[in-house]
Amino acid sequence: MYRVKVGCQLSYATTVATPAVFIVQPPPHTRHMLVKEELQAVAATVTGEFSDIFGNRCQRVLFGAGENVLRYDAIITVSPELDVVR
């Protein structure tokens, strides 16, 4: 198994408190295993999580007025086998 680090950092500026929904986390899958993950919000508040009809993990976020940062980091293990191309 290979260990892969994945992540992103998203920055937003708002003039008023603004609700949003983000899909930044990988959905559950048999071809990878989530070892560790961290979701950080700076000047924003993560208010909940839900799964959409496609199985995506969605985060509800409330941005505060001003600069906001949402950061996601994870370690995932994946098989060394190649994906089958059809």
PDB file of N, CA and C in Angstrom:
ATOM      1  N   MET A   1       0.841  -1.181   0.000  1.00  0.00           N
ATOM      2  CA  MET A   1       0.000   0.000   0.000  1.00  0.00           C
ATOM      3  C   MET A   1       0.888   1.248   0.000  1.00  0.00           C
ATOM      4  N   TYR A   2       0.439   2.246  -0.720  1.00  0.00           N
ATOM      5  CA  TYR A   2       1.126   3.536  -0.750  1.00  0.00           C
ATOM      6  C   TYR A   2       0.380   4.521   0.146  1.00  0.00           C
ATOM      7  N   ARG A   3       1.147   5.371   0.822  1.00  0.00           N
ATOM      8  CA  ARG A   3       0.561   6.457   1.615  1.00  0.00           C
ATOM      9  C   ARG A   3       0.657   7.734   0.784  1.00  0.00           C
ATOM     10  N   VAL A   4      -0.467   8.411   0.615  1.00  0.00           N
ATOM     11  CA  VAL A   4      -0.534   9.614  -0.205  1.00  0.00           C
ATOM     12  C   VAL A   4      -1.088  10.754   0.655  1.00  0.00           C
ATOM     13  N   LYS A   5      -0.424  11.905   0.597  1.00  0.00           N
ATOM     14  CA  LYS A   5      -0.929  13.088   1.288  1.00  0.00           C
ATOM     15  C   LYS A   5      -1.757  13.897   0.298  1.00  0.00           C
ATOM     16  N   VAL A   6      -2.962  14.247   0.701  1.00  0.00           N
ATOM     17  CA  VAL A   6      -3.847  15.057  -0.140  1.00  0.00           C
ATOM     18  C   VAL A   6      -4.336  16.248   0.673  1.00  0.00           C
ATOM     19  N   GLY A   7      -4.735  17.296  -0.019  1.00  0.00           N
ATOM     20  CA  GLY A   7      -5.280  18.433   0.705  1.00  0.00           C
ATOM     21  C   GLY A   7      -5.490  19.636  -0.184  1.00  0.00           C
ATOM     22  N   CYS A   8      -6.038  20.677   0.418  1.00  0.00           N
ATOM     23  CA  CYS A   8      -6.267  21.932  -0.282  1.00  0.00           C
ATOM     24  C   CYS A   8      -6.409  23.051   0.737  1.00  0.00           C
ATOM     25  N   GLN A   9      -6.229  24.265   0.247  1.00  0.00           N
ATOM     26  CA  GLN A   9      -6.479  25.449   1.059  1.00  0.00           C
ATOM     27  C   GLN A   9      -7.281  26.423   0.212  1.00  0.00           C
ATOM     28  N   LEU A  10      -8.423  26.858   0.737  1.00  0.00           N
ATOM     29  CA  LEU A  10      -9.313  27.760   0.024  1.00  0.00           C
ATOM     30  C   LEU A  10      -9.456  29.039   0.831  1.00  0.00           C
ATOM     31  N   SER A  11      -9.284  30.174   0.177  1.00  0.00           N
ATOM     32  CA  SER A  11      -9.400  31.469   0.839  1.00  0.00           C
ATOM     33  C   SER A  11     -10.545  32.259   0.223  1.00  0.00           C
ATOM     34  N   TYR A  12     -11.355  32.860   1.089  1.00  0.00           N
ATOM     35  CA  TYR A  12     -12.503  33.643   0.639  1.00  0.00           C
ATOM     36  C   TYR A  12     -12.583  34.927   1.447  1.00  0.00           C
ATOM     37  N   ALA A  13     -12.988  36.001   0.790  1.00  0.00           N
ATOM     38  CA  ALA A  13     -13.256  37.266   1.467  1.00  0.00           C
ATOM     39  C   ALA A  13     -14.731  37.581   1.293  1.00  0.00           C
ATOM     40  N   THR A  14     -15.397  37.877   2.393  1.00  0.00           N
ATOM     41  CA  THR A  14     -16.815  38.207   2.341  1.00  0.00           C
ATOM     42  C   THR A  14     -17.060  39.526   3.076  1.00  0.00           C
ATOM     43  N   THR A  15     -18.102  40.223   2.696  1.00  0.00           N
ATOM     44  CA  THR A  15     -18.430  41.489   3.352  1.00  0.00           C
ATOM     45  C   THR A  15     -19.429  41.294   4.486  1.00  0.00           C
ATOM     46  N   VAL A  16     -20.159  40.176   4.449  1.00  0.00           N
ATOM     47  CA  VAL A  16     -21.117  39.830   5.505  1.00  0.00           C
ATOM     48  C   VAL A  16     -20.987  38.340   5.791  1.00  0.00           C
ATOM     49  N   ALA A  17     -21.535  37.897   6.905  1.00  0.00           N
ATOM     50  CA  ALA A  17     -21.548  36.463   7.210  1.00  0.00           C
ATOM     51  C   ALA A  17     -22.239  35.727   6.064  1.00  0.00           C
ATOM     52  N   THR A  18     -21.592  34.653   5.573  1.00  0.00           N
ATOM     53  CA  THR A  18     -22.074  33.968   4.377  1.00  0.00           C
ATOM     54  C   THR A  18     -22.052  32.454   4.572  1.00  0.00           C
ATOM     55  N   PRO A  19     -23.199  31.770   4.443  1.00  0.00           N
ATOM     56  CA  PRO A  19     -23.190  30.306   4.517  1.00  0.00           C
ATOM     57  C   PRO A  19     -22.709  29.707   3.202  1.00  0.00           C
ATOM     58  N   ALA A  20     -22.071  28.532   3.296  1.00  0.00           N
ATOM     59  CA  ALA A  20     -21.569  27.845   2.100  1.00  0.00           C
ATOM     60  C   ALA A  20     -21.528  26.340   2.371  1.00  0.00           C
ATOM     61  N   VAL A  21     -21.436  25.569   1.293  1.00  0.00           N
ATOM     62  CA  VAL A  21     -21.265  24.117   1.372  1.00  0.00           C
ATOM     63  C   VAL A  21     -20.052  23.748   0.538  1.00  0.00           C
ATOM     64  N   PHE A  22     -19.160  22.913   1.099  1.00  0.00           N
ATOM     65  CA  PHE A  22     -17.947  22.490   0.402  1.00  0.00           C
ATOM     66  C   PHE A  22     -17.856  20.980   0.345  1.00  0.00           C
ATOM     67  N   ILE A  23     -17.294  20.491  -0.756  1.00  0.00           N
ATOM     68  CA  ILE A  23     -16.963  19.069  -0.894  1.00  0.00           C
ATOM     69  C   ILE A  23     -15.447  19.016  -1.096  1.00  0.00           C
ATOM     70  N   VAL A  24     -14.712  18.804  -0.006  1.00  0.00           N
ATOM     71  CA  VAL A  24     -13.248  18.742  -0.102  1.00  0.00           C
ATOM     72  C   VAL A  24     -12.699  17.406   0.390  1.00  0.00           C
ATOM     73  N   GLN A  25     -13.507  16.618   1.070  1.00  0.00           N
ATOM     74  CA  GLN A  25     -13.055  15.350   1.619  1.00  0.00           C
ATOM     75  C   GLN A  25     -13.390  14.208   0.663  1.00  0.00           C
ATOM     76  N   PRO A  26     -12.495  13.223   0.542  1.00  0.00           N
ATOM     77  CA  PRO A  26     -12.795  12.097  -0.346  1.00  0.00           C
ATOM     78  C   PRO A  26     -13.938  11.246   0.208  1.00  0.00           C
ATOM     79  N   PRO A  27     -14.810  10.743  -0.677  1.00  0.00           N
ATOM     80  CA  PRO A  27     -15.891   9.869  -0.211  1.00  0.00           C
ATOM     81  C   PRO A  27     -15.339   8.490   0.133  1.00  0.00           C
ATOM     82  N   PRO A  28     -16.041   7.722   0.946  1.00  0.00           N
ATOM     83  CA  PRO A  28     -15.604   6.355   1.237  1.00  0.00           C
ATOM     84  C   PRO A  28     -15.517   5.535  -0.046  1.00  0.00           C
ATOM     85  N   HIS A  29     -14.489   4.712  -0.140  1.00  0.00           N
ATOM     86  CA  HIS A  29     -14.308   3.887  -1.335  1.00  0.00           C
ATOM     87  C   HIS A  29     -13.476   2.669  -0.961  1.00  0.00           C
ATOM     88  N   THR A  30     -13.705   1.561  -1.647  1.00  0.00           N
ATOM     89  CA  THR A  30     -12.963   0.331  -1.351  1.00  0.00           C
ATOM     90  C   THR A  30     -11.519   0.392  -1.832  1.00  0.00           C
ATOM     91  N   ARG A  31     -11.171   1.317  -2.746  1.00  0.00           N
ATOM     92  CA  ARG A  31      -9.820   1.377  -3.306  1.00  0.00           C
ATOM     93  C   ARG A  31      -8.866   2.255  -2.511  1.00  0.00           C
ATOM     94  N   HIS A  32      -9.369   2.944  -1.496  1.00  0.00           N
ATOM     95  CA  HIS A  32      -8.479   3.712  -0.627  1.00  0.00           C
ATOM     96  C   HIS A  32      -8.998   3.686   0.808  1.00  0.00           C
ATOM     97  N   MET A  33      -8.084   3.960   1.745  1.00  0.00           N
ATOM     98  CA  MET A  33      -8.463   4.002   3.140  1.00  0.00           C
ATOM     99  C   MET A  33      -7.951   5.306   3.739  1.00  0.00           C
ATOM    100  N   LEU A  34      -8.810   5.999   4.412  1.00  0.00           N
ATOM    101  CA  LEU A  34      -8.463   7.247   5.062  1.00  0.00           C
ATOM    102  C   LEU A  34      -7.752   6.933   6.372  1.00  0.00           C
ATOM    103  N   VAL A  35      -6.493   7.356   6.498  1.00  0.00           N
ATOM    104  CA  VAL A  35      -5.704   7.088   7.691  1.00  0.00           C
ATOM    105  C   VAL A  35      -5.868   8.222   8.697  1.00  0.00           C
ATOM    106  N   LYS A  36      -5.779   9.455   8.218  1.00  0.00           N
ATOM    107  CA  LYS A  36      -5.838  10.631   9.091  1.00  0.00           C
ATOM    108  C   LYS A  36      -6.357  11.799   8.271  1.00  0.00           C
ATOM    109  N   GLU A  37      -7.186  12.642   8.888  1.00  0.00           N
ATOM    110  CA  GLU A  37      -7.645  13.831   8.194  1.00  0.00           C
ATOM    111  C   GLU A  37      -7.863  14.959   9.187  1.00  0.00           C
ATOM    112  N   GLU A  38      -7.765  16.185   8.658  1.00  0.00           N
ATOM    113  CA  GLU A  38      -7.995  17.363   9.490  1.00  0.00           C
ATOM    114  C   GLU A  38      -8.603  18.455   8.622  1.00  0.00           C
ATOM    115  N   LEU A  39      -9.687  19.045   9.119  1.00  0.00           N
ATOM    116  CA  LEU A  39     -10.335  20.166   8.459  1.00  0.00           C
ATOM    117  C   LEU A  39     -10.212  21.360   9.401  1.00  0.00           C
ATOM    118  N   GLN A  40      -9.567  22.424   8.929  1.00  0.00           N
ATOM    119  CA  GLN A  40      -9.384  23.624   9.747  1.00  0.00           C
ATOM    120  C   GLN A  40     -10.129  24.784   9.112  1.00  0.00           C
ATOM    121  N   ALA A  41     -10.725  25.595   9.958  1.00  0.00           N
ATOM    122  CA  ALA A  41     -11.410  26.796   9.497  1.00  0.00           C
ATOM    123  C   ALA A  41     -10.853  27.988  10.264  1.00  0.00           C
ATOM    124  N   VAL A  42     -10.409  29.013   9.528  1.00  0.00           N
ATOM    125  CA  VAL A  42      -9.891  30.235  10.135  1.00  0.00           C
ATOM    126  C   VAL A  42     -10.885  31.352   9.816  1.00  0.00           C
ATOM    127  N   ALA A  43     -11.435  31.963  10.854  1.00  0.00           N
ATOM    128  CA  ALA A  43     -12.446  33.016  10.745  1.00  0.00           C
ATOM    129  C   ALA A  43     -13.758  32.484  10.163  1.00  0.00           C
ATOM    130  N   ALA A  44     -13.893  31.194  10.065  1.00  0.00           N
ATOM    131  CA  ALA A  44     -15.118  30.546   9.587  1.00  0.00           C
ATOM    132  C   ALA A  44     -15.488  29.474  10.609  1.00  0.00           C
ATOM    133  N   THR A  45     -16.735  29.038  10.570  1.00  0.00           N
ATOM    134  CA  THR A  45     -17.203  28.011  11.487  1.00  0.00           C
ATOM    135  C   THR A  45     -17.796  26.861  10.685  1.00  0.00           C
ATOM    136  N   VAL A  46     -17.295  25.645  10.929  1.00  0.00           N
ATOM    137  CA  VAL A  46     -17.881  24.456  10.315  1.00  0.00           C
ATOM    138  C   VAL A  46     -19.106  24.106  11.154  1.00  0.00           C
ATOM    139  N   THR A  47     -20.272  24.131  10.533  1.00  0.00           N
ATOM    140  CA  THR A  47     -21.518  23.968  11.284  1.00  0.00           C
ATOM    141  C   THR A  47     -22.161  22.595  11.141  1.00  0.00           C
ATOM    142  N   GLY A  48     -21.635  21.749  10.252  1.00  0.00           N
ATOM    143  CA  GLY A  48     -22.209  20.413  10.111  1.00  0.00           C
ATOM    144  C   GLY A  48     -21.679  19.684   8.900  1.00  0.00           C
ATOM    145  N   GLU A  49     -21.982  18.408   8.846  1.00  0.00           N
ATOM    146  CA  GLU A  49     -21.567  17.548   7.724  1.00  0.00           C
ATOM    147  C   GLU A  49     -22.758  16.708   7.300  1.00  0.00           C
ATOM    148  N   PHE A  50     -22.850  16.442   5.998  1.00  0.00           N
ATOM    149  CA  PHE A  50     -23.881  15.540   5.490  1.00  0.00           C
ATOM    150  C   PHE A  50     -23.356  14.865   4.234  1.00  0.00           C
ATOM    151  N   SER A  51     -24.010  13.804   3.814  1.00  0.00           N
ATOM    152  CA  SER A  51     -23.675  13.117   2.563  1.00  0.00           C
ATOM    153  C   SER A  51     -24.750  13.456   1.544  1.00  0.00           C
ATOM    154  N   ASP A  52     -24.310  13.812   0.332  1.00  0.00           N
ATOM    155  CA  ASP A  52     -25.285  14.109  -0.711  1.00  0.00           C
ATOM    156  C   ASP A  52     -25.744  12.807  -1.372  1.00  0.00           C
ATOM    157  N   ILE A  53     -26.598  12.904  -2.388  1.00  0.00           N
ATOM    158  CA  ILE A  53     -27.156  11.692  -3.004  1.00  0.00           C
ATOM    159  C   ILE A  53     -26.123  10.867  -3.761  1.00  0.00           C
ATOM    160  N   PHE A  54     -24.923  11.444  -4.003  1.00  0.00           N
ATOM    161  CA  PHE A  54     -23.859  10.719  -4.695  1.00  0.00           C
ATOM    162  C   PHE A  54     -22.847  10.126  -3.715  1.00  0.00           C
ATOM    163  N   GLY A  55     -23.058  10.319  -2.416  1.00  0.00           N
ATOM    164  CA  GLY A  55     -22.151   9.793  -1.406  1.00  0.00           C
ATOM    165  C   GLY A  55     -21.008  10.724  -1.054  1.00  0.00           C
ATOM    166  N   ASN A  56     -21.004  11.946  -1.594  1.00  0.00           N
ATOM    167  CA  ASN A  56     -19.962  12.919  -1.261  1.00  0.00           C
ATOM    168  C   ASN A  56     -20.151  13.439   0.159  1.00  0.00           C
ATOM    169  N   ARG A  57     -19.036  13.637   0.851  1.00  0.00           N
ATOM    170  CA  ARG A  57     -19.067  14.209   2.189  1.00  0.00           C
ATOM    171  C   ARG A  57     -19.064  15.731   2.058  1.00  0.00           C
ATOM    172  N   CYS A  58     -20.123  16.354   2.495  1.00  0.00           N
ATOM    173  CA  CYS A  58     -20.299  17.803   2.341  1.00  0.00           C
ATOM    174  C   CYS A  58     -20.189  18.479   3.701  1.00  0.00           C
ATOM    175  N   GLN A  59     -19.488  19.604   3.735  1.00  0.00           N
ATOM    176  CA  GLN A  59     -19.329  20.390   4.953  1.00  0.00           C
ATOM    177  C   GLN A  59     -20.113  21.688   4.837  1.00  0.00           C
ATOM    178  N   ARG A  60     -20.949  21.971   5.824  1.00  0.00           N
ATOM    179  CA  ARG A  60     -21.617  23.273   5.913  1.00  0.00           C
ATOM    180  C   ARG A  60     -20.675  24.216   6.669  1.00  0.00           C
ATOM    181  N   VAL A  61     -20.478  25.400   6.105  1.00  0.00           N
ATOM    182  CA  VAL A  61     -19.556  26.365   6.688  1.00  0.00           C
ATOM    183  C   VAL A  61     -20.253  27.723   6.749  1.00  0.00           C
ATOM    184  N   LEU A  62     -19.972  28.463   7.806  1.00  0.00           N
ATOM    185  CA  LEU A  62     -20.434  29.846   7.900  1.00  0.00           C
ATOM    186  C   LEU A  62     -19.200  30.739   7.918  1.00  0.00           C
ATOM    187  N   PHE A  63     -19.018  31.499   6.831  1.00  0.00           N
ATOM    188  CA  PHE A  63     -17.913  32.451   6.755  1.00  0.00           C
ATOM    189  C   PHE A  63     -18.264  33.695   7.546  1.00  0.00           C
ATOM    190  N   GLY A  64     -17.282  34.231   8.269  1.00  0.00           N
ATOM    191  CA  GLY A  64     -17.461  35.514   8.928  1.00  0.00           C
ATOM    192  C   GLY A  64     -17.135  36.625   7.937  1.00  0.00           C
ATOM    193  N   ALA A  65     -17.548  37.834   8.251  1.00  0.00           N
ATOM    194  CA  ALA A  65     -17.202  38.972   7.395  1.00  0.00           C
ATOM    195  C   ALA A  65     -15.687  39.150   7.420  1.00  0.00           C
ATOM    196  N   GLY A  66     -15.076  39.327   6.243  1.00  0.00           N
ATOM    197  CA  GLY A  66     -13.630  39.493   6.145  1.00  0.00           C
ATOM    198  C   GLY A  66     -12.967  38.297   5.480  1.00  0.00           C
ATOM    199  N   GLU A  67     -11.684  38.099   5.783  1.00  0.00           N
ATOM    200  CA  GLU A  67     -10.910  37.003   5.198  1.00  0.00           C
ATOM    201  C   GLU A  67     -11.209  35.694   5.922  1.00  0.00           C
ATOM    202  N   ASN A  68     -11.418  34.620   5.160  1.00  0.00           N
ATOM    203  CA  ASN A  68     -11.701  33.289   5.694  1.00  0.00           C
ATOM    204  C   ASN A  68     -10.824  32.270   4.981  1.00  0.00           C
ATOM    205  N   VAL A  69     -10.400  31.250   5.717  1.00  0.00           N
ATOM    206  CA  VAL A  69      -9.583  30.180   5.141  1.00  0.00           C
ATOM    207  C   VAL A  69     -10.167  28.843   5.571  1.00  0.00           C
ATOM    208  N   LEU A  70     -10.283  27.933   4.617  1.00  0.00           N
ATOM    209  CA  LEU A  70     -10.687  26.555   4.874  1.00  0.00           C
ATOM    210  C   LEU A  70      -9.552  25.670   4.377  1.00  0.00           C
ATOM    211  N   ARG A  71      -9.003  24.820   5.262  1.00  0.00           N
ATOM    212  CA  ARG A  71      -7.850  23.985   4.916  1.00  0.00           C
ATOM    213  C   ARG A  71      -8.169  22.534   5.246  1.00  0.00           C
ATOM    214  N   TYR A  72      -7.875  21.647   4.287  1.00  0.00           N
ATOM    215  CA  TYR A  72      -8.090  20.213   4.478  1.00  0.00           C
ATOM    216  C   TYR A  72      -6.788  19.476   4.177  1.00  0.00           C
ATOM    217  N   ASP A  73      -6.391  18.591   5.085  1.00  0.00           N
ATOM    218  CA  ASP A  73      -5.211  17.736   4.896  1.00  0.00           C
ATOM    219  C   ASP A  73      -5.572  16.321   5.307  1.00  0.00           C
ATOM    220  N   ALA A  74      -5.063  15.345   4.542  1.00  0.00           N
ATOM    221  CA  ALA A  74      -5.342  13.944   4.864  1.00  0.00           C
ATOM    222  C   ALA A  74      -4.199  13.055   4.392  1.00  0.00           C
ATOM    223  N   ILE A  75      -4.097  11.907   5.028  1.00  0.00           N
ATOM    224  CA  ILE A  75      -3.208  10.819   4.594  1.00  0.00           C
ATOM    225  C   ILE A  75      -4.124   9.666   4.200  1.00  0.00           C
ATOM    226  N   ILE A  76      -3.919   9.154   2.992  1.00  0.00           N
ATOM    227  CA  ILE A  76      -4.743   8.072   2.461  1.00  0.00           C
ATOM    228  C   ILE A  76      -3.826   6.948   1.998  1.00  0.00           C
ATOM    229  N   THR A  77      -4.227   5.717   2.220  1.00  0.00           N
ATOM    230  CA  THR A  77      -3.479   4.594   1.666  1.00  0.00           C
ATOM    231  C   THR A  77      -4.221   4.099   0.427  1.00  0.00           C
ATOM    232  N   VAL A  78      -3.437   3.796  -0.617  1.00  0.00           N
ATOM    233  CA  VAL A  78      -3.995   3.296  -1.875  1.00  0.00           C
ATOM    234  C   VAL A  78      -3.210   2.065  -2.302  1.00  0.00           C
ATOM    235  N   SER A  79      -3.833   1.240  -3.089  1.00  0.00           N
ATOM    236  CA  SER A  79      -3.207   0.035  -3.606  1.00  0.00           C
ATOM    237  C   SER A  79      -2.157   0.403  -4.654  1.00  0.00           C
ATOM    238  N   PRO A  80      -1.062  -0.365  -4.731  1.00  0.00           N
ATOM    239  CA  PRO A  80      -0.074  -0.114  -5.786  1.00  0.00           C
ATOM    240  C   PRO A  80      -0.527  -0.599  -7.160  1.00  0.00           C
ATOM    241  N   GLU A  81      -1.671  -1.316  -7.202  1.00  0.00           N
ATOM    242  CA  GLU A  81      -2.172  -1.814  -8.483  1.00  0.00           C
ATOM    243  C   GLU A  81      -2.728  -0.666  -9.324  1.00  0.00           C
ATOM    244  N   LEU A  82      -2.545  -0.761 -10.627  1.00  0.00           N
ATOM    245  CA  LEU A  82      -3.052   0.272 -11.553  1.00  0.00           C
ATOM    246  C   LEU A  82      -4.553   0.153 -11.692  1.00  0.00           C
ATOM    247  N   ASP A  83      -5.203   1.295 -11.945  1.00  0.00           N
ATOM    248  CA  ASP A  83      -6.634   1.296 -12.249  1.00  0.00           C
ATOM    249  C   ASP A  83      -6.844   0.699 -13.638  1.00  0.00           C
ATOM    250  N   VAL A  84      -7.916  -0.042 -13.787  1.00  0.00           N
ATOM    251  CA  VAL A  84      -8.257  -0.613 -15.076  1.00  0.00           C
ATOM    252  C   VAL A  84      -8.905   0.471 -15.930  1.00  0.00           C
ATOM    253  N   VAL A  85      -8.388   0.657 -17.142  1.00  0.00           N
ATOM    254  CA  VAL A  85      -8.941   1.647 -18.061  1.00  0.00           C
ATOM    255  C   VAL A  85      -9.901   0.927 -19.005  1.00  0.00           C
ATOM    256  N   ARG A  86     -11.111   1.449 -19.114  1.00  0.00           N
ATOM    257  CA  ARG A  86     -12.110   0.790 -19.966  1.00  0.00           C
ATOM    258  C   ARG A  86     -12.429   1.647 -21.145  1.00  0.00           C
TER     259      ARG A  86
END
